[in-house]
């Protein structure tokens, strides 16, 4: 779950919150699973947050502009791809 409040929450099969992270600005793009234990969370100001399965920030990356709301993930290379302005940005956090 994610939204205008800037909070990302991962739920288990029973609906219980198992991961919670506050990005700050609204989260308007789908959150993407990165490896076995991380999530890529993109806020509306253009910061990509790598959040682990405990809700801690493993890394942050400023993408330099307002992002689109659609994320894509390349399975073979493990990249998260997003449009920022008129450019396409690929992010690789190098997580297993």
C-alpha atoms as a PDB file:
ATOM      1  CA  UNK A   1       0.000   0.000   0.000  1.00  0.00           C
ATOM      2  CA  UNK A   2       1.249   3.498  -0.803  1.00  0.00           C
ATOM      3  CA  UNK A   3      -0.215   6.908  -1.404  1.00  0.00           C
ATOM      4  CA  UNK A   4      -0.584  10.604  -0.888  1.00  0.00           C
ATOM      5  CA  UNK A   5       0.486  10.408   2.760  1.00  0.00           C
ATOM      6  CA  UNK A   6       4.030   9.415   1.690  1.00  0.00           C
ATOM      7  CA  UNK A   7       3.872   6.106   3.550  1.00  0.00           C
ATOM      8  CA  UNK A   8       4.696   2.726   2.011  1.00  0.00           C
ATOM      9  CA  UNK A   9       3.415  -0.389   3.760  1.00  0.00           C
ATOM     10  CA  UNK A  10       3.899  -4.032   2.774  1.00  0.00           C
ATOM     11  CA  UNK A  11       1.193  -6.408   3.956  1.00  0.00           C
ATOM     12  CA  UNK A  12       1.291 -10.144   4.552  1.00  0.00           C
ATOM     13  CA  UNK A  13      -1.389 -12.596   3.398  1.00  0.00           C
ATOM     14  CA  UNK A  14      -3.581 -11.760   6.412  1.00  0.00           C
ATOM     15  CA  UNK A  15      -3.437  -8.009   5.774  1.00  0.00           C
ATOM     16  CA  UNK A  16      -1.056  -7.318   8.663  1.00  0.00           C
ATOM     17  CA  UNK A  17       1.557  -4.581   8.046  1.00  0.00           C
ATOM     18  CA  UNK A  18       5.003  -6.223   7.950  1.00  0.00           C
ATOM     19  CA  UNK A  19       7.028  -3.291   6.541  1.00  0.00           C
ATOM     20  CA  UNK A  20       6.358   0.414   6.984  1.00  0.00           C
ATOM     21  CA  UNK A  21       8.407   3.319   5.638  1.00  0.00           C
ATOM     22  CA  UNK A  22       7.686   7.051   5.409  1.00  0.00           C
ATOM     23  CA  UNK A  23       9.215   8.617   2.307  1.00  0.00           C
ATOM     24  CA  UNK A  24       7.904  12.106   3.065  1.00  0.00           C
ATOM     25  CA  UNK A  25       6.519  13.356  -0.246  1.00  0.00           C
ATOM     26  CA  UNK A  26       3.565  11.470  -1.753  1.00  0.00           C
ATOM     27  CA  UNK A  27       4.248   8.112  -3.389  1.00  0.00           C
ATOM     28  CA  UNK A  28       2.373   8.056  -6.689  1.00  0.00           C
ATOM     29  CA  UNK A  29       4.208   5.250  -8.496  1.00  0.00           C
ATOM     30  CA  UNK A  30       3.911   1.539  -7.891  1.00  0.00           C
ATOM     31  CA  UNK A  31       6.484   0.163  -5.460  1.00  0.00           C
ATOM     32  CA  UNK A  32       8.773  -2.449  -7.041  1.00  0.00           C
ATOM     33  CA  UNK A  33      10.329  -5.447  -5.303  1.00  0.00           C
ATOM     34  CA  UNK A  34      14.133  -5.304  -5.571  1.00  0.00           C
ATOM     35  CA  UNK A  35      15.751  -8.659  -4.942  1.00  0.00           C
ATOM     36  CA  UNK A  36      14.574 -10.869  -2.111  1.00  0.00           C
ATOM     37  CA  UNK A  37      14.602  -8.324   0.727  1.00  0.00           C
ATOM     38  CA  UNK A  38      14.208  -4.793  -0.684  1.00  0.00           C
ATOM     39  CA  UNK A  39      11.654  -2.445  -2.230  1.00  0.00           C
ATOM     40  CA  UNK A  40      12.217   0.463  -4.628  1.00  0.00           C
ATOM     41  CA  UNK A  41       9.990   3.348  -3.513  1.00  0.00           C
ATOM     42  CA  UNK A  42       9.792   6.458  -5.719  1.00  0.00           C
ATOM     43  CA  UNK A  43       8.430   9.654  -4.185  1.00  0.00           C
ATOM     44  CA  UNK A  44       6.760  12.436  -6.175  1.00  0.00           C
ATOM     45  CA  UNK A  45       9.763  14.772  -5.776  1.00  0.00           C
ATOM     46  CA  UNK A  46      12.060  12.364  -7.650  1.00  0.00           C
ATOM     47  CA  UNK A  47      13.899  10.495  -4.922  1.00  0.00           C
ATOM     48  CA  UNK A  48      14.215   6.726  -5.260  1.00  0.00           C
ATOM     49  CA  UNK A  49      14.370   5.037  -1.843  1.00  0.00           C
ATOM     50  CA  UNK A  50      15.691   1.496  -1.442  1.00  0.00           C
ATOM     51  CA  UNK A  51      13.903   0.130   1.620  1.00  0.00           C
ATOM     52  CA  UNK A  52      14.734  -3.191   3.257  1.00  0.00           C
ATOM     53  CA  UNK A  53      12.257  -5.680   4.669  1.00  0.00           C
ATOM     54  CA  UNK A  54      12.529  -4.060   8.137  1.00  0.00           C
ATOM     55  CA  UNK A  55      11.506  -0.614   6.821  1.00  0.00           C
ATOM     56  CA  UNK A  56      15.043   0.824   6.975  1.00  0.00           C
ATOM     57  CA  UNK A  57      16.577   2.871   4.153  1.00  0.00           C
ATOM     58  CA  UNK A  58      19.410   1.007   2.453  1.00  0.00           C
ATOM     59  CA  UNK A  59      20.032   3.741  -0.156  1.00  0.00           C
ATOM     60  CA  UNK A  60      18.544   6.905  -1.673  1.00  0.00           C
ATOM     61  CA  UNK A  61      19.057   8.393  -5.101  1.00  0.00           C
ATOM     62  CA  UNK A  62      17.901  11.828  -6.292  1.00  0.00           C
ATOM     63  CA  UNK A  63      16.745  11.419  -9.904  1.00  0.00           C
ATOM     64  CA  UNK A  64      16.980  15.155 -10.562  1.00  0.00           C
ATOM     65  CA  UNK A  65      13.397  15.914 -11.509  1.00  0.00           C
ATOM     66  CA  UNK A  66       9.733  15.086 -11.149  1.00  0.00           C
ATOM     67  CA  UNK A  67       9.207  11.442 -12.127  1.00  0.00           C
ATOM     68  CA  UNK A  68       6.408   9.767 -14.007  1.00  0.00           C
ATOM     69  CA  UNK A  69       4.040   7.522 -12.098  1.00  0.00           C
ATOM     70  CA  UNK A  70       4.849   4.288 -13.926  1.00  0.00           C
ATOM     71  CA  UNK A  71       7.832   2.132 -12.973  1.00  0.00           C
ATOM     72  CA  UNK A  72       9.074  -0.814 -14.982  1.00  0.00           C
ATOM     73  CA  UNK A  73      11.507  -3.503 -13.953  1.00  0.00           C
ATOM     74  CA  UNK A  74      13.800  -5.454 -16.245  1.00  0.00           C
ATOM     75  CA  UNK A  75      13.930  -9.043 -15.038  1.00  0.00           C
ATOM     76  CA  UNK A  76      17.155 -10.026 -16.811  1.00  0.00           C
ATOM     77  CA  UNK A  77      19.209  -7.029 -15.645  1.00  0.00           C
ATOM     78  CA  UNK A  78      17.371  -6.115 -12.419  1.00  0.00           C
ATOM     79  CA  UNK A  79      16.931  -2.440 -13.313  1.00  0.00           C
ATOM     80  CA  UNK A  80      14.082  -0.191 -12.216  1.00  0.00           C
ATOM     81  CA  UNK A  81      13.161   2.163 -15.068  1.00  0.00           C
ATOM     82  CA  UNK A  82      11.212   5.425 -14.803  1.00  0.00           C
ATOM     83  CA  UNK A  83      10.625   8.535 -16.938  1.00  0.00           C
ATOM     84  CA  UNK A  84      11.964  11.771 -15.435  1.00  0.00           C
ATOM     85  CA  UNK A  85      10.922  14.715 -17.576  1.00  0.00           C
ATOM     86  CA  UNK A  86      11.835  13.771 -21.161  1.00  0.00           C
ATOM     87  CA  UNK A  87      14.481  11.225 -20.115  1.00  0.00           C
ATOM     88  CA  UNK A  88      14.304   7.576 -19.157  1.00  0.00           C
ATOM     89  CA  UNK A  89      16.309   6.717 -16.044  1.00  0.00           C
ATOM     90  CA  UNK A  90      17.427   3.188 -15.132  1.00  0.00           C
ATOM     91  CA  UNK A  91      18.406   2.535 -11.521  1.00  0.00           C
ATOM     92  CA  UNK A  92      20.373  -0.497 -10.349  1.00  0.00           C
ATOM     93  CA  UNK A  93      20.814  -0.811  -6.594  1.00  0.00           C
ATOM     94  CA  UNK A  94      22.876  -4.014  -6.959  1.00  0.00           C
ATOM     95  CA  UNK A  95      20.858  -6.065  -4.471  1.00  0.00           C
ATOM     96  CA  UNK A  96      20.636  -9.871  -4.597  1.00  0.00           C
END
